[in-house]
Amino acid sequence: MNRKDRRRMAKNLGIMKYQQKLPLNQKFELIRENIISGKKSHEEFIENNRVIQEQFKNEVVSNKLYALATDISKREQIPFIDALEKAKLL
Protein backbone atom coordinates (compact mmCIF):
# COMPACT_ATOMS: atom_id res chain seq x y z
CA MET A 1 0.00 0.00 0.00
CA ASN A 2 1.48 3.31 -1.02
CA ARG A 3 1.33 6.64 0.79
CA LYS A 4 -1.77 7.92 -1.00
CA ASP A 5 -3.71 4.74 -0.22
CA ARG A 6 -2.72 4.84 3.45
CA ARG A 7 -3.74 8.50 3.69
CA ARG A 8 -7.07 7.83 1.98
CA MET A 9 -7.75 4.89 4.30
CA ALA A 10 -6.85 6.97 7.38
CA LYS A 11 -9.21 9.69 6.20
CA ASN A 12 -12.04 7.20 5.65
CA LEU A 13 -11.55 5.68 9.10
CA GLY A 14 -11.59 9.07 10.79
CA ILE A 15 -8.00 8.80 12.01
CA MET A 16 -7.04 12.11 10.42
CA LYS A 17 -9.69 14.04 12.39
CA TYR A 18 -8.58 12.28 15.58
CA GLN A 19 -4.97 13.24 14.96
CA GLN A 20 -5.86 16.86 14.22
CA LYS A 21 -7.57 17.16 17.60
CA LEU A 22 -4.55 15.89 19.53
CA PRO A 23 -2.17 18.27 21.32
CA LEU A 24 1.15 18.92 19.58
CA ASN A 25 3.22 16.76 21.92
CA GLN A 26 0.99 13.74 21.22
CA LYS A 27 1.09 14.42 17.47
CA PHE A 28 4.87 14.54 17.55
CA GLU A 29 4.99 11.37 19.63
CA LEU A 30 2.86 9.57 17.01
CA ILE A 31 5.14 10.86 14.26
CA ARG A 32 8.24 9.75 16.18
CA GLU A 33 6.80 6.25 16.72
CA ASN A 34 5.90 6.07 13.04
CA ILE A 35 9.44 7.01 12.03
CA ILE A 36 10.95 4.45 14.41
CA SER A 37 8.70 1.67 13.14
CA GLY A 38 9.47 2.65 9.54
CA LYS A 39 13.22 2.48 10.16
CA LYS A 40 12.83 -0.89 11.86
CA SER A 41 10.80 -2.34 8.98
CA HIS A 42 13.30 -0.91 6.48
CA GLU A 43 16.20 -2.57 8.31
CA GLU A 44 14.30 -5.88 8.35
CA PHE A 45 13.67 -5.56 4.61
CA ILE A 46 17.35 -4.88 3.92
CA GLU A 47 18.40 -7.84 6.11
CA ASN A 48 15.93 -10.18 4.36
CA ASN A 49 17.15 -8.98 0.98
CA ARG A 50 20.78 -9.55 2.00
CA VAL A 51 19.99 -13.08 3.19
CA ILE A 52 18.20 -13.93 -0.07
CA GLN A 53 21.11 -12.61 -2.15
CA GLU A 54 23.58 -14.56 0.00
CA GLN A 55 21.60 -17.76 -0.51
CA PHE A 56 21.54 -17.16 -4.25
CA LYS A 57 25.31 -16.62 -4.35
CA ASN A 58 25.89 -19.78 -2.31
CA GLU A 59 23.63 -21.74 -4.64
CA VAL A 60 25.51 -20.51 -7.72
CA VAL A 61 28.89 -21.34 -6.20
CA SER A 62 27.62 -24.75 -5.12
CA ASN A 63 26.28 -25.51 -8.60
CA LYS A 64 29.60 -24.51 -10.20
CA LEU A 65 31.48 -26.64 -7.70
CA TYR A 66 29.33 -29.70 -8.40
CA ALA A 67 29.67 -29.21 -12.16
CA LEU A 68 33.44 -28.99 -11.83
CA ALA A 69 33.51 -32.07 -9.58
CA THR A 70 31.43 -33.99 -12.12
CA ASP A 71 33.85 -33.07 -14.91
CA ILE A 72 36.86 -34.09 -12.81
CA SER A 73 35.16 -37.36 -11.83
CA LYS A 74 34.44 -38.28 -15.45
CA ARG A 75 37.80 -37.16 -16.76
CA GLU A 76 39.98 -38.87 -14.13
CA GLN A 77 37.67 -41.84 -13.43
CA ILE A 78 37.63 -41.24 -9.66
CA PRO A 79 34.71 -41.26 -7.19
CA PHE A 80 32.59 -38.14 -7.04
CA ILE A 81 33.52 -37.38 -3.40
CA ASP A 82 37.23 -37.34 -4.22
CA ALA A 83 36.52 -35.18 -7.26
CA LEU A 84 34.52 -32.81 -5.06
CA GLU A 85 37.50 -32.43 -2.72
CA LYS A 86 39.75 -31.67 -5.68
CA ALA A 87 37.26 -29.14 -7.00
CA LYS A 88 37.19 -27.38 -3.61
CA LEU A 89 40.97 -27.00 -3.75
CA LEU A 90 40.78 -25.31 -7.16
PDB file of N, CA and C in Angstrom:
ATOM      1  N   MET A   1       0.853  -1.159   0.000  1.00  0.00           N
ATOM      2  CA  MET A   1       0.000   0.000   0.000  1.00  0.00           C
ATOM      3  C   MET A   1       0.907   1.232   0.000  1.00  0.00           C
ATOM      4  N   ASN A   2       0.652   2.123  -0.939  1.00  0.00           N
ATOM      5  CA  ASN A   2       1.485   3.314  -1.016  1.00  0.00           C
ATOM      6  C   ASN A   2       0.951   4.425  -0.109  1.00  0.00           C
ATOM      7  N   ARG A   3       1.640   5.545  -0.132  1.00  0.00           N
ATOM      8  CA  ARG A   3       1.329   6.643   0.786  1.00  0.00           C
ATOM      9  C   ARG A   3      -0.069   7.218   0.566  1.00  0.00           C
ATOM     10  N   LYS A   4      -0.450   7.373  -0.696  1.00  0.00           N
ATOM     11  CA  LYS A   4      -1.770   7.921  -0.995  1.00  0.00           C
ATOM     12  C   LYS A   4      -2.877   7.002  -0.487  1.00  0.00           C
ATOM     13  N   ASP A   5      -2.691   5.701  -0.683  1.00  0.00           N
ATOM     14  CA  ASP A   5      -3.706   4.740  -0.216  1.00  0.00           C
ATOM     15  C   ASP A   5      -3.825   4.749   1.303  1.00  0.00           C
ATOM     16  N   ARG A   6      -2.682   4.794   1.986  1.00  0.00           N
ATOM     17  CA  ARG A   6      -2.715   4.837   3.454  1.00  0.00           C
ATOM     18  C   ARG A   6      -3.414   6.100   3.943  1.00  0.00           C
ATOM     19  N   ARG A   7      -3.126   7.225   3.300  1.00  0.00           N
ATOM     20  CA  ARG A   7      -3.736   8.497   3.688  1.00  0.00           C
ATOM     21  C   ARG A   7      -5.250   8.471   3.441  1.00  0.00           C
ATOM     22  N   ARG A   8      -5.645   7.926   2.304  1.00  0.00           N
ATOM     23  CA  ARG A   8      -7.069   7.827   1.983  1.00  0.00           C
ATOM     24  C   ARG A   8      -7.792   6.922   2.988  1.00  0.00           C
ATOM     25  N   MET A   9      -7.155   5.805   3.339  1.00  0.00           N
ATOM     26  CA  MET A   9      -7.750   4.890   4.303  1.00  0.00           C
ATOM     27  C   MET A   9      -7.861   5.550   5.679  1.00  0.00           C
ATOM     28  N   ALA A  10      -6.812   6.284   6.090  1.00  0.00           N
ATOM     29  CA  ALA A  10      -6.846   6.965   7.382  1.00  0.00           C
ATOM     30  C   ALA A  10      -7.957   8.016   7.400  1.00  0.00           C
ATOM     31  N   LYS A  11      -8.154   8.684   6.288  1.00  0.00           N
ATOM     32  CA  LYS A  11      -9.212   9.687   6.204  1.00  0.00           C
ATOM     33  C   LYS A  11     -10.588   9.027   6.306  1.00  0.00           C
ATOM     34  N   ASN A  12     -10.760   7.912   5.612  1.00  0.00           N
ATOM     35  CA  ASN A  12     -12.038   7.203   5.650  1.00  0.00           C
ATOM     36  C   ASN A  12     -12.346   6.649   7.038  1.00  0.00           C
ATOM     37  N   LEU A  13     -11.330   6.236   7.764  1.00  0.00           N
ATOM     38  CA  LEU A  13     -11.548   5.676   9.098  1.00  0.00           C
ATOM     39  C   LEU A  13     -11.695   6.744  10.177  1.00  0.00           C
ATOM     40  N   GLY A  14     -11.457   7.990   9.824  1.00  0.00           N
ATOM     41  CA  GLY A  14     -11.586   9.069  10.795  1.00  0.00           C
ATOM     42  C   GLY A  14     -10.342   9.293  11.622  1.00  0.00           C
ATOM     43  N   ILE A  15      -9.257   8.659  11.254  1.00  0.00           N
ATOM     44  CA  ILE A  15      -8.005   8.800  12.014  1.00  0.00           C
ATOM     45  C   ILE A  15      -7.437  10.199  11.841  1.00  0.00           C
ATOM     46  N   MET A  16      -7.599  10.778  10.675  1.00  0.00           N
ATOM     47  CA  MET A  16      -7.044  12.113  10.418  1.00  0.00           C
ATOM     48  C   MET A  16      -7.685  13.151  11.345  1.00  0.00           C
ATOM     49  N   LYS A  17      -9.010  13.085  11.505  1.00  0.00           N
ATOM     50  CA  LYS A  17      -9.687  14.042  12.391  1.00  0.00           C
ATOM     51  C   LYS A  17      -9.219  13.840  13.835  1.00  0.00           C
ATOM     52  N   TYR A  18      -9.051  12.587  14.227  1.00  0.00           N
ATOM     53  CA  TYR A  18      -8.584  12.285  15.579  1.00  0.00           C
ATOM     54  C   TYR A  18      -7.199  12.882  15.802  1.00  0.00           C
ATOM     55  N   GLN A  19      -6.322  12.722  14.817  1.00  0.00           N
ATOM     56  CA  GLN A  19      -4.969  13.236  14.958  1.00  0.00           C
ATOM     57  C   GLN A  19      -4.943  14.765  14.973  1.00  0.00           C
ATOM     58  N   GLN A  20      -5.835  15.392  14.241  1.00  0.00           N
ATOM     59  CA  GLN A  20      -5.859  16.856  14.217  1.00  0.00           C
ATOM     60  C   GLN A  20      -6.300  17.433  15.559  1.00  0.00           C
ATOM     61  N   LYS A  21      -7.088  16.677  16.307  1.00  0.00           N
ATOM     62  CA  LYS A  21      -7.573  17.165  17.596  1.00  0.00           C
ATOM     63  C   LYS A  21      -6.573  16.948  18.729  1.00  0.00           C
ATOM     64  N   LEU A  22      -5.531  16.175  18.478  1.00  0.00           N
ATOM     65  CA  LEU A  22      -4.551  15.889  19.530  1.00  0.00           C
ATOM     66  C   LEU A  22      -3.672  17.105  19.801  1.00  0.00           C
ATOM     67  N   PRO A  23      -3.152  17.223  21.034  1.00  0.00           N
ATOM     68  CA  PRO A  23      -2.166  18.274  21.325  1.00  0.00           C
ATOM     69  C   PRO A  23      -0.868  18.003  20.549  1.00  0.00           C
ATOM     70  N   LEU A  24      -0.063  19.042  20.385  1.00  0.00           N
ATOM     71  CA  LEU A  24       1.151  18.920  19.582  1.00  0.00           C
ATOM     72  C   LEU A  24       2.102  17.845  20.096  1.00  0.00           C
ATOM     73  N   ASN A  25       2.271  17.751  21.415  1.00  0.00           N
ATOM     74  CA  ASN A  25       3.222  16.761  21.922  1.00  0.00           C
ATOM     75  C   ASN A  25       2.773  15.334  21.587  1.00  0.00           C
ATOM     76  N   GLN A  26       1.471  15.071  21.586  1.00  0.00           N
ATOM     77  CA  GLN A  26       0.992  13.737  21.223  1.00  0.00           C
ATOM     78  C   GLN A  26       1.124  13.492  19.719  1.00  0.00           C
ATOM     79  N   LYS A  27       0.893  14.547  18.920  1.00  0.00           N
ATOM     80  CA  LYS A  27       1.087  14.416  17.473  1.00  0.00           C
ATOM     81  C   LYS A  27       2.540  14.059  17.161  1.00  0.00           C
ATOM     82  N   PHE A  28       3.454  14.795  17.800  1.00  0.00           N
ATOM     83  CA  PHE A  28       4.868  14.536  17.545  1.00  0.00           C
ATOM     84  C   PHE A  28       5.288  13.164  18.052  1.00  0.00           C
ATOM     85  N   GLU A  29       4.696  12.711  19.132  1.00  0.00           N
ATOM     86  CA  GLU A  29       4.987  11.372  19.633  1.00  0.00           C
ATOM     87  C   GLU A  29       4.526  10.313  18.629  1.00  0.00           C
ATOM     88  N   LEU A  30       3.344  10.498  18.042  1.00  0.00           N
ATOM     89  CA  LEU A  30       2.859   9.573  17.009  1.00  0.00           C
ATOM     90  C   LEU A  30       3.786   9.571  15.798  1.00  0.00           C
ATOM     91  N   ILE A  31       4.236  10.758  15.404  1.00  0.00           N
ATOM     92  CA  ILE A  31       5.144  10.864  14.258  1.00  0.00           C
ATOM     93  C   ILE A  31       6.462  10.166  14.574  1.00  0.00           C
ATOM     94  N   ARG A  32       6.981  10.369  15.789  1.00  0.00           N
ATOM     95  CA  ARG A  32       8.243   9.751  16.183  1.00  0.00           C
ATOM     96  C   ARG A  32       8.122   8.225  16.173  1.00  0.00           C
ATOM     97  N   GLU A  33       7.015   7.706  16.713  1.00  0.00           N
ATOM     98  CA  GLU A  33       6.803   6.255  16.723  1.00  0.00           C
ATOM     99  C   GLU A  33       6.688   5.712  15.302  1.00  0.00           C
ATOM    100  N   ASN A  34       6.035   6.477  14.433  1.00  0.00           N
ATOM    101  CA  ASN A  34       5.895   6.067  13.043  1.00  0.00           C
ATOM    102  C   ASN A  34       7.261   6.000  12.352  1.00  0.00           C
ATOM    103  N   ILE A  35       8.099   6.989  12.626  1.00  0.00           N
ATOM    104  CA  ILE A  35       9.439   7.014  12.032  1.00  0.00           C
ATOM    105  C   ILE A  35      10.260   5.840  12.544  1.00  0.00           C
ATOM    106  N   ILE A  36      10.194   5.560  13.831  1.00  0.00           N
ATOM    107  CA  ILE A  36      10.954   4.449  14.410  1.00  0.00           C
ATOM    108  C   ILE A  36      10.502   3.122  13.815  1.00  0.00           C
ATOM    109  N   SER A  37       9.192   2.926  13.708  1.00  0.00           N
ATOM    110  CA  SER A  37       8.699   1.665  13.142  1.00  0.00           C
ATOM    111  C   SER A  37       9.063   1.542  11.664  1.00  0.00           C
ATOM    112  N   GLY A  38       9.066   2.669  10.948  1.00  0.00           N
ATOM    113  CA  GLY A  38       9.468   2.652   9.538  1.00  0.00           C
ATOM    114  C   GLY A  38      10.928   2.279   9.373  1.00  0.00           C
ATOM    115  N   LYS A  39      11.792   2.830  10.229  1.00  0.00           N
ATOM    116  CA  LYS A  39      13.217   2.485  10.160  1.00  0.00           C
ATOM    117  C   LYS A  39      13.429   1.015  10.477  1.00  0.00           C
ATOM    118  N   LYS A  40      12.700   0.515  11.473  1.00  0.00           N
ATOM    119  CA  LYS A  40      12.830  -0.893  11.856  1.00  0.00           C
ATOM    120  C   LYS A  40      12.401  -1.809  10.709  1.00  0.00           C
ATOM    121  N   SER A  41      11.273  -1.502  10.086  1.00  0.00           N
ATOM    122  CA  SER A  41      10.802  -2.344   8.978  1.00  0.00           C
ATOM    123  C   SER A  41      11.746  -2.244   7.788  1.00  0.00           C
ATOM    124  N   HIS A  42      12.336  -1.073   7.569  1.00  0.00           N
ATOM    125  CA  HIS A  42      13.302  -0.914   6.478  1.00  0.00           C
ATOM    126  C   HIS A  42      14.548  -1.755   6.735  1.00  0.00           C
ATOM    127  N   GLU A  43      15.040  -1.758   7.969  1.00  0.00           N
ATOM    128  CA  GLU A  43      16.197  -2.571   8.314  1.00  0.00           C
ATOM    129  C   GLU A  43      15.891  -4.061   8.145  1.00  0.00           C
ATOM    130  N   GLU A  44      14.692  -4.484   8.530  1.00  0.00           N
ATOM    131  CA  GLU A  44      14.299  -5.885   8.348  1.00  0.00           C
ATOM    132  C   GLU A  44      14.252  -6.241   6.865  1.00  0.00           C
ATOM    133  N   PHE A  45      13.730  -5.328   6.043  1.00  0.00           N
ATOM    134  CA  PHE A  45      13.669  -5.557   4.607  1.00  0.00           C
ATOM    135  C   PHE A  45      15.069  -5.711   4.029  1.00  0.00           C
ATOM    136  N   ILE A  46      15.975  -4.830   4.429  1.00  0.00           N
ATOM    137  CA  ILE A  46      17.351  -4.884   3.920  1.00  0.00           C
ATOM    138  C   ILE A  46      18.017  -6.191   4.356  1.00  0.00           C
ATOM    139  N   GLU A  47      17.809  -6.592   5.611  1.00  0.00           N
ATOM    140  CA  GLU A  47      18.398  -7.839   6.107  1.00  0.00           C
ATOM    141  C   GLU A  47      17.845  -9.046   5.343  1.00  0.00           C
ATOM    142  N   ASN A  48      16.534  -9.077   5.117  1.00  0.00           N
ATOM    143  CA  ASN A  48      15.935 -10.181   4.362  1.00  0.00           C
ATOM    144  C   ASN A  48      16.469 -10.223   2.938  1.00  0.00           C
ATOM    145  N   ASN A  49      16.614  -9.059   2.335  1.00  0.00           N
ATOM    146  CA  ASN A  49      17.145  -8.977   0.978  1.00  0.00           C
ATOM    147  C   ASN A  49      18.589  -9.473   0.936  1.00  0.00           C
ATOM    148  N   ARG A  50      19.384  -9.102   1.939  1.00  0.00           N
ATOM    149  CA  ARG A  50      20.780  -9.551   1.997  1.00  0.00           C
ATOM    150  C   ARG A  50      20.855 -11.068   2.138  1.00  0.00           C
ATOM    151  N   VAL A  51      19.994 -11.642   2.986  1.00  0.00           N
ATOM    152  CA  VAL A  51      19.992 -13.085   3.188  1.00  0.00           C
ATOM    153  C   VAL A  51      19.616 -13.816   1.896  1.00  0.00           C
ATOM    154  N   ILE A  52      18.622 -13.307   1.186  1.00  0.00           N
ATOM    155  CA  ILE A  52      18.201 -13.930  -0.070  1.00  0.00           C
ATOM    156  C   ILE A  52      19.323 -13.877  -1.100  1.00  0.00           C
ATOM    157  N   GLN A  53      20.003 -12.733  -1.199  1.00  0.00           N
ATOM    158  CA  GLN A  53      21.115 -12.611  -2.146  1.00  0.00           C
ATOM    159  C   GLN A  53      22.257 -13.536  -1.767  1.00  0.00           C
ATOM    160  N   GLU A  54      22.524 -13.662  -0.470  1.00  0.00           N
ATOM    161  CA  GLU A  54      23.584 -14.560   0.005  1.00  0.00           C
ATOM    162  C   GLU A  54      23.262 -16.006  -0.341  1.00  0.00           C
ATOM    163  N   GLN A  55      22.010 -16.405  -0.162  1.00  0.00           N
ATOM    164  CA  GLN A  55      21.599 -17.764  -0.505  1.00  0.00           C
ATOM    165  C   GLN A  55      21.755 -18.018  -2.005  1.00  0.00           C
ATOM    166  N   PHE A  56      21.402 -17.022  -2.805  1.00  0.00           N
ATOM    167  CA  PHE A  56      21.536 -17.162  -4.251  1.00  0.00           C
ATOM    168  C   PHE A  56      23.000 -17.325  -4.643  1.00  0.00           C
ATOM    169  N   LYS A  57      23.888 -16.508  -4.046  1.00  0.00           N
ATOM    170  CA  LYS A  57      25.315 -16.616  -4.347  1.00  0.00           C
ATOM    171  C   LYS A  57      25.849 -17.986  -3.943  1.00  0.00           C
ATOM    172  N   ASN A  58      25.445 -18.463  -2.767  1.00  0.00           N
ATOM    173  CA  ASN A  58      25.895 -19.781  -2.308  1.00  0.00           C
ATOM    174  C   ASN A  58      25.409 -20.878  -3.237  1.00  0.00           C
ATOM    175  N   GLU A  59      24.189 -20.740  -3.726  1.00  0.00           N
ATOM    176  CA  GLU A  59      23.634 -21.739  -4.638  1.00  0.00           C
ATOM    177  C   GLU A  59      24.406 -21.763  -5.947  1.00  0.00           C
ATOM    178  N   VAL A  60      24.757 -20.590  -6.466  1.00  0.00           N
ATOM    179  CA  VAL A  60      25.506 -20.506  -7.723  1.00  0.00           C
ATOM    180  C   VAL A  60      26.884 -21.128  -7.550  1.00  0.00           C
ATOM    181  N   VAL A  61      27.557 -20.791  -6.458  1.00  0.00           N
ATOM    182  CA  VAL A  61      28.890 -21.343  -6.200  1.00  0.00           C
ATOM    183  C   VAL A  61      28.811 -22.854  -6.045  1.00  0.00           C
ATOM    184  N   SER A  62      27.794 -23.318  -5.332  1.00  0.00           N
ATOM    185  CA  SER A  62      27.616 -24.749  -5.122  1.00  0.00           C
ATOM    186  C   SER A  62      27.382 -25.466  -6.446  1.00  0.00           C
ATOM    187  N   ASN A  63      26.551 -24.889  -7.295  1.00  0.00           N
ATOM    188  CA  ASN A  63      26.282 -25.506  -8.603  1.00  0.00           C
ATOM    189  C   ASN A  63      27.546 -25.573  -9.457  1.00  0.00           C
ATOM    190  N   LYS A  64      28.342 -24.511  -9.440  1.00  0.00           N
ATOM    191  CA  LYS A  64      29.595 -24.511 -10.199  1.00  0.00           C
ATOM    192  C   LYS A  64      30.561 -25.557  -9.654  1.00  0.00           C
ATOM    193  N   LEU A  65      30.590 -25.670  -8.328  1.00  0.00           N
ATOM    194  CA  LEU A  65      31.484 -26.640  -7.695  1.00  0.00           C
ATOM    195  C   LEU A  65      31.089 -28.064  -8.065  1.00  0.00           C
ATOM    196  N   TYR A  66      29.791 -28.361  -8.042  1.00  0.00           N
ATOM    197  CA  TYR A  66      29.334 -29.703  -8.399  1.00  0.00           C
ATOM    198  C   TYR A  66      29.567 -30.001  -9.883  1.00  0.00           C
ATOM    199  N   ALA A  67      29.406 -29.006 -10.730  1.00  0.00           N
ATOM    200  CA  ALA A  67      29.668 -29.214 -12.158  1.00  0.00           C
ATOM    201  C   ALA A  67      31.148 -29.503 -12.381  1.00  0.00           C
ATOM    202  N   LEU A  68      31.996 -28.769 -11.705  1.00  0.00           N
ATOM    203  CA  LEU A  68      33.437 -28.989 -11.830  1.00  0.00           C
ATOM    204  C   LEU A  68      33.822 -30.366 -11.295  1.00  0.00           C
ATOM    205  N   ALA A  69      33.228 -30.755 -10.161  1.00  0.00           N
ATOM    206  CA  ALA A  69      33.512 -32.070  -9.582  1.00  0.00           C
ATOM    207  C   ALA A  69      33.050 -33.178 -10.514  1.00  0.00           C
ATOM    208  N   THR A  70      31.921 -32.987 -11.171  1.00  0.00           N
ATOM    209  CA  THR A  70      31.433 -33.994 -12.120  1.00  0.00           C
ATOM    210  C   THR A  70      32.392 -34.138 -13.287  1.00  0.00           C
ATOM    211  N   ASP A  71      32.884 -33.017 -13.800  1.00  0.00           N
ATOM    212  CA  ASP A  71      33.852 -33.069 -14.905  1.00  0.00           C
ATOM    213  C   ASP A  71      35.133 -33.777 -14.479  1.00  0.00           C
ATOM    214  N   ILE A  72      35.636 -33.459 -13.311  1.00  0.00           N
ATOM    215  CA  ILE A  72      36.859 -34.095 -12.811  1.00  0.00           C
ATOM    216  C   ILE A  72      36.629 -35.590 -12.624  1.00  0.00           C
ATOM    217  N   SER A  73      35.483 -35.953 -12.076  1.00  0.00           N
ATOM    218  CA  SER A  73      35.160 -37.356 -11.833  1.00  0.00           C
ATOM    219  C   SER A  73      35.122 -38.152 -13.136  1.00  0.00           C
ATOM    220  N   LYS A  74      34.522 -37.595 -14.161  1.00  0.00           N
ATOM    221  CA  LYS A  74      34.438 -38.285 -15.455  1.00  0.00           C
ATOM    222  C   LYS A  74      35.795 -38.347 -16.143  1.00  0.00           C
ATOM    223  N   ARG A  75      36.534 -37.241 -16.058  1.00  0.00           N
ATOM    224  CA  ARG A  75      37.805 -37.156 -16.761  1.00  0.00           C
ATOM    225  C   ARG A  75      38.854 -38.070 -16.140  1.00  0.00           C
ATOM    226  N   GLU A  76      38.926 -38.110 -14.811  1.00  0.00           N
ATOM    227  CA  GLU A  76      39.980 -38.868 -14.133  1.00  0.00           C
ATOM    228  C   GLU A  76      39.508 -40.232 -13.629  1.00  0.00           C
ATOM    229  N   GLN A  77      38.233 -40.562 -13.853  1.00  0.00           N
ATOM    230  CA  GLN A  77      37.665 -41.843 -13.429  1.00  0.00           C
ATOM    231  C   GLN A  77      37.883 -42.097 -11.931  1.00  0.00           C
ATOM    232  N   ILE A  78      37.533 -41.097 -11.119  1.00  0.00           N
ATOM    233  CA  ILE A  78      37.630 -41.236  -9.664  1.00  0.00           C
ATOM    234  C   ILE A  78      36.239 -41.036  -9.066  1.00  0.00           C
ATOM    235  N   PRO A  79      36.032 -41.457  -7.824  1.00  0.00           N
ATOM    236  CA  PRO A  79      34.713 -41.261  -7.191  1.00  0.00           C
ATOM    237  C   PRO A  79      34.363 -39.770  -7.074  1.00  0.00           C
ATOM    238  N   PHE A  80      33.080 -39.527  -7.046  1.00  0.00           N
ATOM    239  CA  PHE A  80      32.594 -38.141  -7.036  1.00  0.00           C
ATOM    240  C   PHE A  80      33.074 -37.390  -5.794  1.00  0.00           C
ATOM    241  N   ILE A  81      33.124 -38.057  -4.648  1.00  0.00           N
ATOM    242  CA  ILE A  81      33.522 -37.384  -3.401  1.00  0.00           C
ATOM    243  C   ILE A  81      34.976 -36.916  -3.487  1.00  0.00           C
ATOM    244  N   ASP A  82      35.837 -37.760  -4.053  1.00  0.00           N
ATOM    245  CA  ASP A  82      37.234 -37.342  -4.220  1.00  0.00           C
ATOM    246  C   ASP A  82      37.338 -36.186  -5.216  1.00  0.00           C
ATOM    247  N   ALA A  83      36.531 -36.249  -6.271  1.00  0.00           N
ATOM    248  CA  ALA A  83      36.522 -35.176  -7.260  1.00  0.00           C
ATOM    249  C   ALA A  83      36.007 -33.876  -6.636  1.00  0.00           C
ATOM    250  N   LEU A  84      35.047 -33.994  -5.734  1.00  0.00           N
ATOM    251  CA  LEU A  84      34.524 -32.808  -5.061  1.00  0.00           C
ATOM    252  C   LEU A  84      35.597 -32.165  -4.191  1.00  0.00           C
ATOM    253  N   GLU A  85      36.392 -32.977  -3.513  1.00  0.00           N
ATOM    254  CA  GLU A  85      37.496 -32.435  -2.715  1.00  0.00           C
ATOM    255  C   GLU A  85      38.528 -31.736  -3.590  1.00  0.00           C
ATOM    256  N   LYS A  86      38.824 -32.317  -4.758  1.00  0.00           N
ATOM    257  CA  LYS A  86      39.755 -31.672  -5.683  1.00  0.00           C
ATOM    258  C   LYS A  86      39.185 -30.351  -6.200  1.00  0.00           C
ATOM    259  N   ALA A  87      37.894 -30.345  -6.475  1.00  0.00           N
ATOM    260  CA  ALA A  87      37.264 -29.136  -6.995  1.00  0.00           C
ATOM    261  C   ALA A  87      37.288 -28.026  -5.942  1.00  0.00           C
ATOM    262  N   LYS A  88      37.146 -28.387  -4.671  1.00  0.00           N
ATOM    263  CA  LYS A  88      37.191 -27.379  -3.611  1.00  0.00           C
ATOM    264  C   LYS A  88      38.572 -26.750  -3.501  1.00  0.00           C
ATOM    265  N   LEU A  89      39.603 -27.524  -3.804  1.00  0.00           N
ATOM    266  CA  LEU A  89      40.966 -27.000  -3.749  1.00  0.00           C
ATOM    267  C   LEU A  89      41.262 -26.047  -4.897  1.00  0.00           C
ATOM    268  N   LEU A  90      40.533 -26.187  -5.993  1.00  0.00           N
ATOM    269  CA  LEU A  90      40.779 -25.311  -7.161  1.00  0.00           C
ATOM    270  C   LEU A  90      40.180 -23.994  -6.978  1.00  0.00           C
TER     271      LEU A  90
END
